[in-house]
Amino acid sequence: MACSVVWSIDPAATLARLFHVATILLACVAVTVFGWHERRFQEVMRPVLTFFLLGSLIFGLVAPDLAIEAPVPPETHYFWGGLTIGKNALGAIASSGVILWLHGWASREVKPLTAACGAALSLALLLLSRAATHMMATAAVCALLLLVLRAPRGMRRYTPYAVGLLVLLTIVYGLVILDVVPGLDALLTPITALTGKDRTFTNRTLIWQITREHIALNPFLGTGYGGFWAHIGPGTPAFVFQERMFFNPGECHDGYLEIINDLGYLGLLLLFGYLGYYLIRAHPEPVRFRQARNGLLDQQPQVETGLGEVDLQHPQGPD
């Protein structure tokens, strides 16, 4: 990631993104090294996310003109952005809130009434954001949490297979979107016929088509971490979206494509290597079953990456 400064189309923007990443990593390290215990992550994140979501709800009720986005044709629904930069960011935070509060109830770390209130608030903001991909990811991860934490003891032996199947499905879906293997899109034909949407489920085919055209210019190394979307104006690579779509999407709306666009297929290969290593390490041996169980919380961003909404490359980028 840091090496991409050398070939980035905008080295200054890449350096700025690296500073953001370093700041996030330092915050994560601070949480893990100070008073760390098995429930530290959940106990830190639940109140922070809930307070933020409550503020977003109040902000939306008090100043709807600032907190709610008007629909962009052909959409007809309004989208809540709350205190975030847009609906996708709010959807990601609300999704995390739902998962954490459900985990707190299922693991008996939180009282049922407290968990119900937190989950209800998070779910309400998730629905108001209308972030379809985050809804899908939330449903998948919550189902896995319930399988691991509340399923009958006889079914727990199937937990590693369920986790592996989920990751496999998201990877296959990503390959379908990327057109890596011709013919795989036939797997989604029945679903798209029922939903009435294209195979992206969010009608972003043109965004991904333009992105793939840009990727073809430097497929192996990409164009530098965070450099593509740094500036939108005449003469910049991203201005093609303004010319062909008459608006700036601000991101690829697909984590895999975002990685390839910035870091090339080499970056995608490293991501798949991480996913494989994660699955191997998360295999629930008896002596560390609890760690693997809590590790399911880490599945959400991986699911969302495959489903096509989360932006791994721009954690604080535009919506």
Protein backbone atom coordinates (compact mmCIF):
# COMPACT_ATOMS: atom_id res chain seq x y z
CA MET A 1 0.00 0.00 0.00
CA ALA A 2 2.72 2.47 0.98
CA CYS A 3 4.82 1.41 -2.02
CA SER A 4 2.07 2.58 -4.36
CA VAL A 5 3.23 6.16 -3.74
CA VAL A 6 5.95 5.45 -6.29
CA TRP A 7 3.53 4.80 -9.19
CA SER A 8 0.49 6.71 -7.93
CA ILE A 9 -1.21 9.12 -10.34
CA ASP A 10 -1.50 11.50 -7.37
CA PRO A 11 1.30 10.84 -4.84
CA ALA A 12 0.14 13.63 -2.50
CA ALA A 13 -3.34 12.10 -2.27
CA THR A 14 -1.84 8.66 -1.63
CA LEU A 15 0.27 10.03 1.20
CA ALA A 16 -2.81 11.71 2.70
CA ARG A 17 -4.72 8.41 2.58
CA LEU A 18 -1.83 6.63 4.22
CA PHE A 19 -1.96 9.17 7.03
CA HIS A 20 -5.66 8.34 7.53
CA VAL A 21 -4.88 4.63 7.63
CA ALA A 22 -2.04 5.17 10.12
CA THR A 23 -4.39 7.17 12.36
CA ILE A 24 -6.98 4.38 12.29
CA LEU A 25 -4.34 1.73 13.03
CA LEU A 26 -2.99 3.71 15.97
CA ALA A 27 -6.51 4.02 17.39
CA CYS A 28 -6.99 0.26 17.04
CA VAL A 29 -3.65 -0.43 18.71
CA ALA A 30 -4.56 1.90 21.59
CA VAL A 31 -7.78 -0.03 22.20
CA THR A 32 -6.08 -3.41 22.09
CA VAL A 33 -3.07 -2.67 24.31
CA PHE A 34 -4.82 -0.66 27.03
CA GLY A 35 -6.71 -2.84 29.49
CA TRP A 36 -7.34 -5.54 26.91
CA HIS A 37 -9.58 -8.47 27.73
CA GLU A 38 -11.82 -10.80 25.77
CA ARG A 39 -14.80 -8.41 25.67
CA ARG A 40 -12.84 -5.18 25.31
CA PHE A 41 -13.68 -4.58 21.64
CA GLN A 42 -17.42 -5.02 22.11
CA GLU A 43 -17.55 -2.97 25.30
CA VAL A 44 -15.73 -0.07 23.67
CA MET A 45 -17.63 -0.07 20.41
CA ARG A 46 -21.23 -0.55 21.58
CA PRO A 47 -21.62 2.74 23.49
CA VAL A 48 -19.64 4.74 20.91
CA LEU A 49 -21.72 3.53 17.96
CA THR A 50 -24.99 3.83 19.88
CA PHE A 51 -24.25 7.41 20.93
CA PHE A 52 -23.39 8.28 17.34
CA LEU A 53 -26.55 6.65 15.98
CA LEU A 54 -28.69 8.41 18.56
CA GLY A 55 -27.13 11.69 17.50
CA SER A 56 -27.87 10.87 13.86
CA LEU A 57 -31.50 10.16 14.69
CA ILE A 58 -31.89 13.45 16.57
CA PHE A 59 -30.08 15.33 13.81
CA GLY A 60 -32.40 13.84 11.20
CA LEU A 61 -35.48 14.89 13.15
CA VAL A 62 -34.20 18.40 13.90
CA ALA A 63 -32.51 19.22 10.58
CA PRO A 64 -33.88 16.88 7.91
CA ASP A 65 -32.64 19.13 5.11
CA LEU A 66 -29.06 18.42 6.23
CA ALA A 67 -29.37 14.83 7.44
CA ILE A 68 -31.54 13.33 4.69
CA GLU A 69 -30.49 12.98 1.05
CA ALA A 70 -32.93 13.65 -1.77
CA PRO A 71 -33.43 10.79 -4.23
CA VAL A 72 -31.35 10.70 -7.38
CA PRO A 73 -33.31 9.48 -10.43
CA PRO A 74 -34.35 6.75 -11.03
CA GLU A 75 -34.58 6.38 -7.22
CA THR A 76 -37.70 7.74 -5.54
CA HIS A 77 -36.86 7.21 -1.87
CA TYR A 78 -35.10 9.57 0.51
CA PHE A 79 -31.95 8.33 2.25
CA TRP A 80 -30.79 9.17 5.74
CA GLY A 81 -27.16 10.17 6.15
CA GLY A 82 -27.43 11.41 9.73
CA LEU A 83 -24.15 12.75 11.08
CA THR A 84 -22.14 10.90 8.43
CA ILE A 85 -21.14 11.87 4.91
CA GLY A 86 -23.97 9.84 3.37
CA LYS A 87 -26.26 6.85 3.48
CA ASN A 88 -23.54 4.26 2.90
CA ALA A 89 -21.50 5.46 5.86
CA LEU A 90 -24.55 5.54 8.12
CA GLY A 91 -25.56 2.09 6.88
CA ALA A 92 -22.15 0.67 7.77
CA ILE A 93 -22.24 2.12 11.30
CA ALA A 94 -25.84 1.03 11.89
CA SER A 95 -25.04 -2.45 10.60
CA SER A 96 -22.16 -2.73 13.06
CA GLY A 97 -24.49 -1.59 15.83
CA VAL A 98 -27.06 -4.28 15.06
CA ILE A 99 -24.41 -6.99 15.01
CA LEU A 100 -22.71 -5.87 18.23
CA TRP A 101 -25.95 -5.60 20.20
CA LEU A 102 -27.16 -8.96 18.90
CA HIS A 103 -23.83 -10.46 19.89
CA GLY A 104 -24.15 -8.91 23.34
CA TRP A 105 -27.55 -10.53 23.83
CA ALA A 106 -26.62 -13.90 22.31
CA SER A 107 -23.42 -14.16 24.36
CA ARG A 108 -25.21 -12.92 27.52
CA GLU A 109 -22.74 -10.06 27.89
CA VAL A 110 -25.58 -7.50 27.90
CA LYS A 111 -28.96 -7.51 29.59
CA PRO A 112 -31.80 -8.36 27.18
CA LEU A 113 -33.59 -5.01 27.58
CA THR A 114 -30.40 -3.01 26.96
CA ALA A 115 -29.54 -5.14 23.95
CA ALA A 116 -33.07 -4.78 22.56
CA CYS A 117 -32.96 -0.97 22.83
CA GLY A 118 -29.53 -0.74 21.20
CA ALA A 119 -30.44 -3.17 18.43
CA ALA A 120 -33.75 -1.39 17.76
CA LEU A 121 -32.01 1.98 17.39
CA SER A 122 -29.34 0.50 15.12
CA LEU A 123 -31.89 -1.35 13.00
CA ALA A 124 -34.03 1.77 12.64
CA LEU A 125 -31.09 3.79 11.32
CA LEU A 126 -30.07 0.93 9.03
CA LEU A 127 -33.54 0.87 7.48
CA LEU A 128 -33.68 4.66 7.20
CA SER A 129 -30.33 4.72 5.39
CA ARG A 130 -31.73 2.28 2.80
CA ALA A 131 -28.23 0.89 2.32
CA ALA A 132 -29.22 -2.37 0.63
CA THR A 133 -25.82 -4.05 0.75
CA HIS A 134 -25.36 -3.35 4.45
CA MET A 135 -28.78 -4.86 5.09
CA MET A 136 -27.77 -8.02 3.27
CA ALA A 137 -24.46 -8.23 5.12
CA THR A 138 -26.17 -7.64 8.47
CA ALA A 139 -28.64 -10.45 7.87
CA ALA A 140 -25.86 -12.88 6.89
CA VAL A 141 -23.60 -12.08 9.86
CA CYS A 142 -26.48 -12.09 12.37
CA ALA A 143 -27.54 -15.52 11.14
CA LEU A 144 -24.01 -16.80 11.72
CA LEU A 145 -23.87 -15.27 15.19
CA LEU A 146 -27.09 -16.97 16.18
CA LEU A 147 -25.83 -20.25 14.74
CA VAL A 148 -22.63 -20.07 16.78
CA LEU A 149 -23.97 -18.66 20.04
CA ARG A 150 -27.54 -19.91 20.33
CA ALA A 151 -27.73 -23.00 18.14
CA PRO A 152 -28.23 -26.40 19.80
CA ARG A 153 -24.95 -27.94 20.93
CA GLY A 154 -25.23 -30.67 18.32
CA MET A 155 -25.14 -28.12 15.49
CA ARG A 156 -22.02 -26.28 16.67
CA ARG A 157 -19.75 -28.78 14.94
CA TYR A 158 -20.94 -27.31 11.64
CA THR A 159 -19.90 -23.75 12.55
CA PRO A 160 -16.56 -23.69 10.67
CA TYR A 161 -18.30 -25.03 7.57
CA ALA A 162 -20.98 -22.32 7.78
CA VAL A 163 -18.33 -19.60 8.09
CA GLY A 164 -16.35 -21.07 5.22
CA LEU A 165 -19.46 -21.29 3.06
CA LEU A 166 -20.30 -17.63 3.71
CA VAL A 167 -16.81 -16.47 2.73
CA LEU A 168 -16.87 -18.74 -0.33
CA LEU A 169 -20.20 -17.30 -1.46
CA THR A 170 -18.97 -13.72 -1.12
CA ILE A 171 -15.81 -14.52 -3.07
CA VAL A 172 -17.80 -16.25 -5.83
CA TYR A 173 -20.14 -13.26 -5.99
CA GLY A 174 -17.14 -10.99 -6.32
CA LEU A 175 -15.81 -13.09 -9.19
CA VAL A 176 -19.21 -12.86 -10.88
CA ILE A 177 -19.16 -9.08 -10.63
CA LEU A 178 -15.59 -8.89 -11.93
CA ASP A 179 -16.36 -11.22 -14.88
CA VAL A 180 -13.27 -13.24 -13.99
CA VAL A 181 -14.85 -16.56 -14.97
CA PRO A 182 -17.20 -16.40 -17.97
CA GLY A 183 -20.57 -18.01 -17.33
CA LEU A 184 -20.62 -17.53 -13.56
CA ASP A 185 -23.25 -14.81 -13.91
CA ALA A 186 -25.77 -17.55 -14.73
CA LEU A 187 -25.73 -18.43 -11.01
CA LEU A 188 -27.44 -15.11 -10.23
CA THR A 189 -30.03 -15.25 -13.00
CA PRO A 190 -32.86 -16.71 -10.84
CA ILE A 191 -32.26 -14.14 -8.09
CA THR A 192 -32.10 -11.15 -10.43
CA ALA A 193 -35.29 -12.35 -12.13
CA LEU A 194 -37.10 -12.36 -8.78
CA THR A 195 -35.77 -9.03 -7.53
CA GLY A 196 -36.10 -7.15 -10.81
CA LYS A 197 -32.58 -5.73 -10.44
CA ASP A 198 -29.34 -6.31 -12.27
CA ARG A 199 -26.74 -8.70 -10.90
CA THR A 200 -25.21 -5.97 -8.73
CA PHE A 201 -28.53 -5.77 -6.78
CA THR A 202 -27.85 -2.03 -6.48
CA ASN A 203 -27.97 -1.06 -10.17
CA ARG A 204 -24.36 0.09 -10.39
CA THR A 205 -23.40 -1.77 -13.54
CA LEU A 206 -22.26 1.35 -15.41
CA ILE A 207 -20.05 2.49 -12.51
CA TRP A 208 -18.32 -0.87 -12.48
CA GLN A 209 -18.01 -0.95 -16.26
CA ILE A 210 -16.22 2.41 -16.33
CA THR A 211 -14.01 1.31 -13.43
CA ARG A 212 -12.98 -1.86 -15.27
CA GLU A 213 -12.07 0.23 -18.31
CA HIS A 214 -9.73 2.28 -16.14
CA ILE A 215 -8.29 -0.81 -14.46
CA ALA A 216 -7.31 -2.14 -17.90
CA LEU A 217 -4.78 0.72 -18.20
CA ASN A 218 -2.64 -0.68 -15.34
CA PRO A 219 -4.13 -3.98 -14.18
CA PHE A 220 -1.17 -5.38 -12.24
CA LEU A 221 -0.27 -2.48 -9.89
CA GLY A 222 -3.23 -0.12 -10.18
CA THR A 223 -2.96 3.66 -10.12
CA GLY A 224 -1.94 4.22 -6.50
CA TYR A 225 -3.72 4.00 -3.17
CA GLY A 226 -6.41 6.70 -2.96
CA GLY A 227 -5.18 8.56 -6.04
CA PHE A 228 -8.05 7.93 -8.43
CA TRP A 229 -10.86 9.65 -6.51
CA ALA A 230 -8.73 12.40 -4.95
CA HIS A 231 -9.69 15.07 -7.49
CA ILE A 232 -12.66 15.21 -9.86
CA GLY A 233 -12.22 17.76 -12.59
CA PRO A 234 -11.45 18.18 -16.29
CA GLY A 235 -8.31 16.28 -17.18
CA THR A 236 -8.44 13.87 -14.23
CA PRO A 237 -9.11 10.13 -14.74
CA ALA A 238 -12.25 10.14 -12.58
CA PHE A 239 -13.86 12.94 -14.60
CA VAL A 240 -15.06 10.30 -17.06
CA PHE A 241 -17.88 9.54 -14.63
CA GLN A 242 -19.07 13.12 -14.86
CA GLU A 243 -18.97 12.96 -18.63
CA ARG A 244 -20.78 9.63 -19.00
CA MET A 245 -23.04 9.57 -15.93
CA PHE A 246 -23.41 13.32 -15.22
CA PHE A 247 -22.53 12.89 -11.54
CA ASN A 248 -19.61 11.85 -9.35
CA PRO A 249 -20.19 8.51 -7.55
CA GLY A 250 -17.16 9.17 -5.34
CA GLU A 251 -16.19 5.49 -5.16
CA CYS A 252 -16.43 2.24 -7.11
CA HIS A 253 -19.13 0.85 -4.79
CA ASP A 254 -17.33 -2.48 -4.81
CA GLY A 255 -14.49 -3.33 -2.47
CA TYR A 256 -12.81 -5.73 -4.88
CA LEU A 257 -12.87 -3.25 -7.76
CA GLU A 258 -11.64 -0.49 -5.46
CA ILE A 259 -8.63 -2.57 -4.48
CA ILE A 260 -7.83 -3.52 -8.08
CA ASN A 261 -8.24 0.08 -9.23
CA ASP A 262 -5.82 1.36 -6.58
CA LEU A 263 -3.46 -1.58 -5.99
CA GLY A 264 -4.01 -3.79 -9.03
CA TYR A 265 -4.55 -7.52 -9.15
CA LEU A 266 -1.52 -7.86 -6.90
CA GLY A 267 -3.49 -6.11 -4.15
CA LEU A 268 -6.49 -8.37 -4.79
CA LEU A 269 -4.25 -11.43 -4.52
CA LEU A 270 -2.97 -10.21 -1.15
CA LEU A 271 -6.56 -9.71 0.01
CA PHE A 272 -7.50 -13.28 -0.93
CA GLY A 273 -4.38 -14.46 0.88
CA TYR A 274 -5.56 -12.65 4.00
CA LEU A 275 -9.02 -14.22 3.72
CA GLY A 276 -7.51 -17.68 3.41
CA TYR A 277 -5.22 -17.09 6.38
CA TYR A 278 -8.17 -15.79 8.41
CA LEU A 279 -10.19 -18.91 7.73
CA ILE A 280 -7.30 -21.14 8.77
CA ARG A 281 -6.71 -19.21 11.99
CA ALA A 282 -10.43 -19.00 12.80
CA HIS A 283 -10.93 -22.77 12.66
CA PRO A 284 -12.42 -23.45 16.11
CA GLU A 285 -10.03 -25.80 17.85
CA PRO A 286 -11.36 -26.77 21.29
CA VAL A 287 -8.84 -24.66 23.22
CA ARG A 288 -9.77 -21.47 21.38
CA PHE A 289 -13.40 -21.96 20.40
CA ARG A 290 -14.41 -18.80 22.22
CA GLN A 291 -11.87 -16.68 20.34
CA ALA A 292 -13.13 -18.05 17.04
CA ARG A 293 -16.71 -17.40 18.12
CA ASN A 294 -15.99 -13.76 18.92
CA GLY A 295 -13.99 -13.57 15.70
CA LEU A 296 -17.24 -13.78 13.75
CA LEU A 297 -17.63 -10.08 14.45
CA ASP A 298 -14.78 -9.58 11.98
CA GLN A 299 -16.78 -11.22 9.20
CA GLN A 300 -18.99 -8.17 8.54
CA PRO A 301 -16.49 -6.06 6.54
CA GLN A 302 -15.47 -9.12 4.51
CA VAL A 303 -19.11 -9.88 3.67
CA GLU A 304 -19.76 -6.28 2.67
CA THR A 305 -16.64 -6.24 0.50
CA GLY A 306 -17.93 -9.19 -1.47
CA LEU A 307 -21.47 -7.83 -1.69
CA GLY A 308 -20.12 -4.65 -3.20
CA GLU A 309 -20.72 -1.66 -0.93
CA VAL A 310 -17.97 -1.15 1.61
CA ASP A 311 -15.04 0.99 0.53
CA LEU A 312 -11.88 -0.58 1.93
CA GLN A 313 -9.57 1.84 0.21
CA HIS A 314 -11.22 5.07 1.38
CA PRO A 315 -12.34 4.69 5.00
CA GLN A 316 -13.11 8.39 5.16
CA GLY A 317 -13.81 9.01 1.49
CA PRO A 318 -16.93 10.40 -0.17
CA ASP A 319 -20.24 8.52 -0.20
